[in-house]
Amino acid sequence: MNIWRTVLIALVVGFVAGLLLSEGIAIIAHFVFDRAIGIKYLPFIIAAVFAGVALIWGNRSRSAGFKK
């Protein structure tokens, strides 16, 4: 699979995972503290982390000589 396609998929999946995590934190904070608490740019941060991991993992598997 092309590395840029993998990075694009990682960005989308990371953004969705960040949204779910952000909403989960907001729901739990609402019940526990009765106010909104959260990390402002969490979906973007998680998307960047997922894309970085995809780049590192993709280069690592290619350089180690793994066969697909």
PDB file of N, CA and C in Angstrom:
ATOM      1  N   MET A   1       0.842  -1.169   0.000  1.00  0.00           N
ATOM      2  CA  MET A   1       0.000   0.000   0.000  1.00  0.00           C
ATOM      3  C   MET A   1       0.897   1.245   0.000  1.00  0.00           C
ATOM      4  N   ASN A   2       0.512   2.185  -0.733  1.00  0.00           N
ATOM      5  CA  ASN A   2       1.257   3.429  -0.830  1.00  0.00           C
ATOM      6  C   ASN A   2       1.316   4.116   0.535  1.00  0.00           C
ATOM      7  N   ILE A   3       2.471   4.651   0.908  1.00  0.00           N
ATOM      8  CA  ILE A   3       2.651   5.252   2.229  1.00  0.00           C
ATOM      9  C   ILE A   3       1.764   6.476   2.412  1.00  0.00           C
ATOM     10  N   TRP A   4       1.529   7.252   1.350  1.00  0.00           N
ATOM     11  CA  TRP A   4       0.701   8.455   1.493  1.00  0.00           C
ATOM     12  C   TRP A   4      -0.763   8.093   1.675  1.00  0.00           C
ATOM     13  N   ARG A   5      -1.182   6.995   1.075  1.00  0.00           N
ATOM     14  CA  ARG A   5      -2.550   6.523   1.302  1.00  0.00           C
ATOM     15  C   ARG A   5      -2.701   6.075   2.751  1.00  0.00           C
ATOM     16  N   THR A   6      -1.679   5.423   3.272  1.00  0.00           N
ATOM     17  CA  THR A   6      -1.693   4.989   4.656  1.00  0.00           C
ATOM     18  C   THR A   6      -1.735   6.185   5.610  1.00  0.00           C
ATOM     19  N   VAL A   7      -0.981   7.218   5.301  1.00  0.00           N
ATOM     20  CA  VAL A   7      -0.983   8.427   6.133  1.00  0.00           C
ATOM     21  C   VAL A   7      -2.341   9.106   6.083  1.00  0.00           C
ATOM     22  N   LEU A   8      -2.963   9.176   4.912  1.00  0.00           N
ATOM     23  CA  LEU A   8      -4.292   9.775   4.793  1.00  0.00           C
ATOM     24  C   LEU A   8      -5.319   9.003   5.613  1.00  0.00           C
ATOM     25  N   ILE A   9      -5.272   7.687   5.532  1.00  0.00           N
ATOM     26  CA  ILE A   9      -6.187   6.863   6.319  1.00  0.00           C
ATOM     27  C   ILE A   9      -5.921   7.071   7.811  1.00  0.00           C
ATOM     28  N   ALA A  10      -4.648   7.152   8.203  1.00  0.00           N
ATOM     29  CA  ALA A  10      -4.300   7.373   9.605  1.00  0.00           C
ATOM     30  C   ALA A  10      -4.809   8.732  10.090  1.00  0.00           C
ATOM     31  N   LEU A  11      -4.732   9.753   9.236  1.00  0.00           N
ATOM     32  CA  LEU A  11      -5.252  11.066   9.608  1.00  0.00           C
ATOM     33  C   LEU A  11      -6.756  11.026   9.850  1.00  0.00           C
ATOM     34  N   VAL A  12      -7.486  10.371   8.972  1.00  0.00           N
ATOM     35  CA  VAL A  12      -8.943  10.298   9.108  1.00  0.00           C
ATOM     36  C   VAL A  12      -9.325   9.490  10.344  1.00  0.00           C
ATOM     37  N   VAL A  13      -8.705   8.323  10.503  1.00  0.00           N
ATOM     38  CA  VAL A  13      -9.014   7.473  11.652  1.00  0.00           C
ATOM     39  C   VAL A  13      -8.598   8.160  12.947  1.00  0.00           C
ATOM     40  N   GLY A  14      -7.460   8.828  12.951  1.00  0.00           N
ATOM     41  CA  GLY A  14      -7.015   9.556  14.137  1.00  0.00           C
ATOM     42  C   GLY A  14      -7.948  10.693  14.499  1.00  0.00           C
ATOM     43  N   PHE A  15      -8.454  11.395  13.498  1.00  0.00           N
ATOM     44  CA  PHE A  15      -9.398  12.489  13.758  1.00  0.00           C
ATOM     45  C   PHE A  15     -10.685  11.951  14.373  1.00  0.00           C
ATOM     46  N   VAL A  16     -11.191  10.856  13.823  1.00  0.00           N
ATOM     47  CA  VAL A  16     -12.419  10.253  14.364  1.00  0.00           C
ATOM     48  C   VAL A  16     -12.176   9.737  15.786  1.00  0.00           C
ATOM     49  N   ALA A  17     -11.037   9.094  16.007  1.00  0.00           N
ATOM     50  CA  ALA A  17     -10.706   8.611  17.351  1.00  0.00           C
ATOM     51  C   ALA A  17     -10.576   9.775  18.332  1.00  0.00           C
ATOM     52  N   GLY A  18      -9.993  10.872  17.888  1.00  0.00           N
ATOM     53  CA  GLY A  18      -9.887  12.060  18.734  1.00  0.00           C
ATOM     54  C   GLY A  18     -11.234  12.656  19.070  1.00  0.00           C
ATOM     55  N   LEU A  19     -12.137  12.659  18.099  1.00  0.00           N
ATOM     56  CA  LEU A  19     -13.491  13.148  18.370  1.00  0.00           C
ATOM     57  C   LEU A  19     -14.198  12.277  19.405  1.00  0.00           C
ATOM     58  N   LEU A  20     -14.085  10.971  19.232  1.00  0.00           N
ATOM     59  CA  LEU A  20     -14.721  10.062  20.188  1.00  0.00           C
ATOM     60  C   LEU A  20     -14.118  10.215  21.582  1.00  0.00           C
ATOM     61  N   LEU A  21     -12.809  10.318  21.659  1.00  0.00           N
ATOM     62  CA  LEU A  21     -12.151  10.495  22.944  1.00  0.00           C
ATOM     63  C   LEU A  21     -12.533  11.829  23.581  1.00  0.00           C
ATOM     64  N   SER A  22     -12.572  12.875  22.793  1.00  0.00           N
ATOM     65  CA  SER A  22     -12.952  14.197  23.289  1.00  0.00           C
ATOM     66  C   SER A  22     -14.379  14.202  23.824  1.00  0.00           C
ATOM     67  N   GLU A  23     -15.286  13.588  23.091  1.00  0.00           N
ATOM     68  CA  GLU A  23     -16.676  13.529  23.545  1.00  0.00           C
ATOM     69  C   GLU A  23     -16.819  12.658  24.790  1.00  0.00           C
ATOM     70  N   GLY A  24     -16.056  11.578  24.845  1.00  0.00           N
ATOM     71  CA  GLY A  24     -16.085  10.730  26.038  1.00  0.00           C
ATOM     72  C   GLY A  24     -15.603  11.477  27.272  1.00  0.00           C
ATOM     73  N   ILE A  25     -14.522  12.242  27.117  1.00  0.00           N
ATOM     74  CA  ILE A  25     -14.015  13.053  28.224  1.00  0.00           C
ATOM     75  C   ILE A  25     -15.063  14.091  28.638  1.00  0.00           C
ATOM     76  N   ALA A  26     -15.710  14.720  27.668  1.00  0.00           N
ATOM     77  CA  ALA A  26     -16.720  15.739  27.973  1.00  0.00           C
ATOM     78  C   ALA A  26     -17.917  15.137  28.705  1.00  0.00           C
ATOM     79  N   ILE A  27     -18.356  13.960  28.305  1.00  0.00           N
ATOM     80  CA  ILE A  27     -19.502  13.319  28.961  1.00  0.00           C
ATOM     81  C   ILE A  27     -19.154  12.939  30.396  1.00  0.00           C
ATOM     82  N   ILE A  28     -17.983  12.339  30.585  1.00  0.00           N
ATOM     83  CA  ILE A  28     -17.569  11.949  31.933  1.00  0.00           C
ATOM     84  C   ILE A  28     -17.391  13.186  32.816  1.00  0.00           C
ATOM     85  N   ALA A  29     -16.785  14.240  32.274  1.00  0.00           N
ATOM     86  CA  ALA A  29     -16.591  15.471  33.043  1.00  0.00           C
ATOM     87  C   ALA A  29     -17.926  16.107  33.398  1.00  0.00           C
ATOM     88  N   HIS A  30     -18.893  16.018  32.519  1.00  0.00           N
ATOM     89  CA  HIS A  30     -20.211  16.584  32.805  1.00  0.00           C
ATOM     90  C   HIS A  30     -20.859  15.871  33.988  1.00  0.00           C
ATOM     91  N   PHE A  31     -20.741  14.568  34.044  1.00  0.00           N
ATOM     92  CA  PHE A  31     -21.328  13.819  35.146  1.00  0.00           C
ATOM     93  C   PHE A  31     -20.544  13.986  36.443  1.00  0.00           C
ATOM     94  N   VAL A  32     -19.236  14.066  36.362  1.00  0.00           N
ATOM     95  CA  VAL A  32     -18.411  14.131  37.565  1.00  0.00           C
ATOM     96  C   VAL A  32     -18.317  15.549  38.121  1.00  0.00           C
ATOM     97  N   PHE A  33     -18.074  16.528  37.266  1.00  0.00           N
ATOM     98  CA  PHE A  33     -17.814  17.890  37.723  1.00  0.00           C
ATOM     99  C   PHE A  33     -18.946  18.873  37.429  1.00  0.00           C
ATOM    100  N   ASP A  34     -19.973  18.459  36.710  1.00  0.00           N
ATOM    101  CA  ASP A  34     -21.096  19.329  36.319  1.00  0.00           C
ATOM    102  C   ASP A  34     -20.661  20.555  35.524  1.00  0.00           C
ATOM    103  N   ARG A  35     -19.613  20.415  34.740  1.00  0.00           N
ATOM    104  CA  ARG A  35     -19.196  21.487  33.828  1.00  0.00           C
ATOM    105  C   ARG A  35     -18.400  20.872  32.685  1.00  0.00           C
ATOM    106  N   ALA A  36     -18.222  21.647  31.641  1.00  0.00           N
ATOM    107  CA  ALA A  36     -17.518  21.155  30.459  1.00  0.00           C
ATOM    108  C   ALA A  36     -16.006  21.222  30.677  1.00  0.00           C
ATOM    109  N   ILE A  37     -15.359  20.099  30.457  1.00  0.00           N
ATOM    110  CA  ILE A  37     -13.904  20.016  30.550  1.00  0.00           C
ATOM    111  C   ILE A  37     -13.431  19.242  29.328  1.00  0.00           C
ATOM    112  N   GLY A  38     -12.336  19.662  28.747  1.00  0.00           N
ATOM    113  CA  GLY A  38     -11.813  18.939  27.598  1.00  0.00           C
ATOM    114  C   GLY A  38     -10.543  19.571  27.077  1.00  0.00           C
ATOM    115  N   ILE A  39      -9.955  18.898  26.110  1.00  0.00           N
ATOM    116  CA  ILE A  39      -8.760  19.403  25.447  1.00  0.00           C
ATOM    117  C   ILE A  39      -9.215  19.983  24.107  1.00  0.00           C
ATOM    118  N   LYS A  40      -8.900  21.237  23.882  1.00  0.00           N
ATOM    119  CA  LYS A  40      -9.483  21.979  22.767  1.00  0.00           C
ATOM    120  C   LYS A  40      -9.210  21.350  21.398  1.00  0.00           C
ATOM    121  N   TYR A  41      -7.987  20.993  21.091  1.00  0.00           N
ATOM    122  CA  TYR A  41      -7.639  20.491  19.762  1.00  0.00           C
ATOM    123  C   TYR A  41      -7.287  19.007  19.769  1.00  0.00           C
ATOM    124  N   LEU A  42      -7.907  18.235  20.635  1.00  0.00           N
ATOM    125  CA  LEU A  42      -7.570  16.823  20.774  1.00  0.00           C
ATOM    126  C   LEU A  42      -7.720  16.035  19.468  1.00  0.00           C
ATOM    127  N   PRO A  43      -8.777  16.197  18.673  1.00  0.00           N
ATOM    128  CA  PRO A  43      -8.863  15.427  17.422  1.00  0.00           C
ATOM    129  C   PRO A  43      -7.696  15.690  16.463  1.00  0.00           C
ATOM    130  N   PHE A  44      -7.240  16.930  16.405  1.00  0.00           N
ATOM    131  CA  PHE A  44      -6.121  17.257  15.519  1.00  0.00           C
ATOM    132  C   PHE A  44      -4.804  16.685  16.054  1.00  0.00           C
ATOM    133  N   ILE A  45      -4.648  16.715  17.375  1.00  0.00           N
ATOM    134  CA  ILE A  45      -3.442  16.166  17.987  1.00  0.00           C
ATOM    135  C   ILE A  45      -3.377  14.661  17.765  1.00  0.00           C
ATOM    136  N   ILE A  46      -4.481  13.964  18.002  1.00  0.00           N
ATOM    137  CA  ILE A  46      -4.522  12.512  17.830  1.00  0.00           C
ATOM    138  C   ILE A  46      -4.311  12.150  16.359  1.00  0.00           C
ATOM    139  N   ALA A  47      -4.887  12.926  15.444  1.00  0.00           N
ATOM    140  CA  ALA A  47      -4.692  12.666  14.012  1.00  0.00           C
ATOM    141  C   ALA A  47      -3.223  12.804  13.629  1.00  0.00           C
ATOM    142  N   ALA A  48      -2.547  13.822  14.154  1.00  0.00           N
ATOM    143  CA  ALA A  48      -1.125  14.003  13.864  1.00  0.00           C
ATOM    144  C   ALA A  48      -0.293  12.863  14.444  1.00  0.00           C
ATOM    145  N   VAL A  49      -0.647  12.405  15.635  1.00  0.00           N
ATOM    146  CA  VAL A  49       0.072  11.281  16.247  1.00  0.00           C
ATOM    147  C   VAL A  49      -0.117  10.016  15.416  1.00  0.00           C
ATOM    148  N   PHE A  50      -1.349   9.745  14.998  1.00  0.00           N
ATOM    149  CA  PHE A  50      -1.618   8.562  14.169  1.00  0.00           C
ATOM    150  C   PHE A  50      -0.841   8.631  12.856  1.00  0.00           C
ATOM    151  N   ALA A  51      -0.798   9.809  12.224  1.00  0.00           N
ATOM    152  CA  ALA A  51      -0.068   9.951  10.961  1.00  0.00           C
ATOM    153  C   ALA A  51       1.428   9.761  11.184  1.00  0.00           C
ATOM    154  N   GLY A  52       1.956  10.295  12.267  1.00  0.00           N
ATOM    155  CA  GLY A  52       3.368  10.103  12.578  1.00  0.00           C
ATOM    156  C   GLY A  52       3.712   8.647  12.815  1.00  0.00           C
ATOM    157  N   VAL A  53       2.856   7.955  13.542  1.00  0.00           N
ATOM    158  CA  VAL A  53       3.073   6.527  13.781  1.00  0.00           C
ATOM    159  C   VAL A  53       2.995   5.755  12.471  1.00  0.00           C
ATOM    160  N   ALA A  54       2.079   6.123  11.593  1.00  0.00           N
ATOM    161  CA  ALA A  54       1.963   5.439  10.300  1.00  0.00           C
ATOM    162  C   ALA A  54       3.219   5.646   9.459  1.00  0.00           C
ATOM    163  N   LEU A  55       3.771   6.857   9.474  1.00  0.00           N
ATOM    164  CA  LEU A  55       5.007   7.116   8.726  1.00  0.00           C
ATOM    165  C   LEU A  55       6.178   6.323   9.294  1.00  0.00           C
ATOM    166  N   ILE A  56       6.322   6.330  10.609  1.00  0.00           N
ATOM    167  CA  ILE A  56       7.428   5.599  11.233  1.00  0.00           C
ATOM    168  C   ILE A  56       7.277   4.108  11.017  1.00  0.00           C
ATOM    169  N   TRP A  57       6.070   3.603  11.214  1.00  0.00           N
ATOM    170  CA  TRP A  57       5.824   2.172  11.072  1.00  0.00           C
ATOM    171  C   TRP A  57       6.010   1.729   9.620  1.00  0.00           C
ATOM    172  N   GLY A  58       5.554   2.542   8.675  1.00  0.00           N
ATOM    173  CA  GLY A  58       5.703   2.209   7.259  1.00  0.00           C
ATOM    174  C   GLY A  58       7.153   2.180   6.827  1.00  0.00           C
ATOM    175  N   ASN A  59       7.930   3.169   7.239  1.00  0.00           N
ATOM    176  CA  ASN A  59       9.360   3.190   6.897  1.00  0.00           C
ATOM    177  C   ASN A  59      10.110   2.071   7.590  1.00  0.00           C
ATOM    178  N   ARG A  60       9.728   1.766   8.793  1.00  0.00           N
ATOM    179  CA  ARG A  60      10.408   0.714   9.542  1.00  0.00           C
ATOM    180  C   ARG A  60      10.183  -0.650   8.922  1.00  0.00           C
ATOM    181  N   SER A  61       8.956  -0.920   8.495  1.00  0.00           N
ATOM    182  CA  SER A  61       8.674  -2.227   7.907  1.00  0.00           C
ATOM    183  C   SER A  61       9.344  -2.363   6.543  1.00  0.00           C
ATOM    184  N   ARG A  62       9.471  -1.266   5.811  1.00  0.00           N
ATOM    185  CA  ARG A  62      10.129  -1.311   4.514  1.00  0.00           C
ATOM    186  C   ARG A  62      11.635  -1.472   4.637  1.00  0.00           C
ATOM    187  N   SER A  63      12.221  -0.807   5.630  1.00  0.00           N
ATOM    188  CA  SER A  63      13.673  -0.859   5.781  1.00  0.00           C
ATOM    189  C   SER A  63      14.140  -2.150   6.439  1.00  0.00           C
ATOM    190  N   ALA A  64      13.252  -2.840   7.140  1.00  0.00           N
ATOM    191  CA  ALA A  64      13.637  -4.091   7.815  1.00  0.00           C
ATOM    192  C   ALA A  64      13.639  -5.265   6.861  1.00  0.00           C
ATOM    193  N   GLY A  65      13.136  -5.080   5.676  1.00  0.00           N
ATOM    194  CA  GLY A  65      13.143  -6.158   4.672  1.00  0.00           C
ATOM    195  C   GLY A  65      11.961  -7.103   4.764  1.00  0.00           C
ATOM    196  N   PHE A  66      10.867  -6.636   5.381  1.00  0.00           N
ATOM    197  CA  PHE A  66       9.678  -7.471   5.438  1.00  0.00           C
ATOM    198  C   PHE A  66       9.074  -7.593   4.050  1.00  0.00           C
ATOM    199  N   LYS A  67       8.599  -8.770   3.720  1.00  0.00           N
ATOM    200  CA  LYS A  67       7.963  -8.973   2.427  1.00  0.00           C
ATOM    201  C   LYS A  67       6.463  -8.937   2.599  1.00  0.00           C
ATOM    202  N   LYS A  68       5.807  -8.290   1.650  1.00  0.00           N
ATOM    203  CA  LYS A  68       4.348  -8.199   1.711  1.00  0.00           C
ATOM    204  C   LYS A  68       3.724  -9.269   0.872  1.00  0.00           C
TER     205      LYS A  68
END
